[in-house]
Amino acid sequence: MITQNASAQTGFAQSLADSMTPKFAISYLRVSDPRQAERGGGNDEGFSIPAQREANKRKALSMGAIVGKEFVDRGMSARSADRPELQEMLKYIKENKDRVDYVIVHKVDRLARNREDDVGITRALTDANVQLVSASESIDNTPSGMLLHGIMSSIAEFYSRNLSTEVKKGMSEKVKSGGTPTKAPIGYRNIRDYDDKGRRDSRVEVDAERAPLVQLAYREYATGDWSLRPLAEHLADLGLATPVTPKLPSKPVNKTMLHDILRNPYYKGIVTYNGAQYQGKHEPLVSETLWDKVQEIMRSHVNGERRRIHEHFLKSTVFCGKCGARLIIVNAKSHTGSIYPYFSCSAKHSKRNDCTQRSLLIDEVALKIEELYERISFTPEFRSLVQQWVDSQIGELAEESNSEVERLKLQKDKLDREQRKLLQAHYADAIPLNLLKDEQERITKSMKEVTIAIDACLGALDKSLPPKNEPNTG
């Protein structure tokens, strides 16, 4: 009898202790848009996450539970269960089956937005003897609570799919009218504003700082004298870099970025969406002719065109006198190891015909060309036409050179302002000395490169002109 009474008292004491021990709850929080996790609210959490957290804590308190663990998916869609914090939570529950009593969410749609994932997550919680609780919906393990859970899960899936359909429809209509449905590429700026009636006014404008460098990239690559990597390094030295964002710092353009820039039809005024192309209403940075020329050069490089290594000023201008094929440069090695450059008939070299033209030493061909030029004379009328053409070309060159100088001067002024701001920040103890040194080295290097480029532009035209007192001889 005494033993039975003692056992009953022990069981009662254990039951009393269990009833007085708070239940252990896990709080799961989620926002689907990364901007929701950044906009206001403090601690880079926005307003939504703290609001969910407080609601979940109040719900736990009302059930006599404490939130002992929290998992937060920031900027993650619930259309898929492949979310890092959700998977960590399920793993934690599996490893602590005897400890966790509840998983609390603000709403069912925070956990999943399709029925398949909802069933899978709910089954994992049930297997671990963990109850799912909503802070704003009356779901529980009763038949009515389970029915409500199923209804809310179905509504969440409908909302998600319907929203996706409406968004796609809206974006399709936007591109059809010439709008840009995504972030504009480098060289443009997305402007989000409101008109005088309070309506949203989103548009794309040319980035005055980066657009000239994008145009320069197209013009330089179209010459055929550049490959991607050297041109990307040249543009990076001139200051072409990605804009700063709240998440990412500015990054100099590299080979991959330049490839994307040169392949993007957006720069000739075309918007691409879902594989279809639409005429955009944004300002093109390059002409369609220039864009097509760049594409042709890029295709030739992809198809294995090798860089020309046998350069000569007569290359591509002399032809075979017997069959008319182009003469190519061939280096022949003698028995002593000496190299002799020859002009050889390309048709004969590739065995396209039976041409009998022998190979000719390059110096001999050059001499013959010089003798030919000495016998050529022009009429005064022809010389006048040539002079007019040369003058017009020099005028265009001067205009382009002046425009480039103005752009470089603006870049130099920007570097000056950046340098002054850097010093002011250092004087105010806003940046440490080591960072000041690194930034000063970067600015000094950029300033030197801009100065060299300005001098080159100013000197290029002068070098191309004859002295003013030199007579114009025919």
Foldseek 3Di string as FASTA:
>chain_A
DVVVVVVVVVVVVVVVVVVLDAAEEEEEEEDQALVCCQDDDPPSGHDRRVVFVVLQQVVSVVVRHGYPYYFYQHNRAQQDQPTVRSVVVLVVCVVPLVRHAEYEGQALVRNHQAPVSSVVSVVSCVVSNHWYYHSHDQATDDPVNVVVSVVRSPVSNVVVVVVVVVLVVVLVVQVQVQAASDADDQQKHWDWDADPVRHTDIHIAGDPQQLVLLLVLLVVLLVVPDDQAVSQVVSLLLPHWDPCDPVDGIGRGGSVNSVCSLQDCVLQQWHDDPNDIGRHPYDHSDHPVSSVSSVVSVVCVVVPDDDDDDDDPCAPPDADPPPGAGWDWDWDADPVGDTFIWTDGPCVVVVVDDDPDDIGGPVVVVVVVVVVVVPDDDDPVVVVVVVVVVVVVLVVLLVVLVVLLVSLVVVLVVLVVVLVVLVVCVVVVNDDPVVSVVVVVSSVSSNVVSVVSNVCSVVVSVVVDDDPPDDDDD
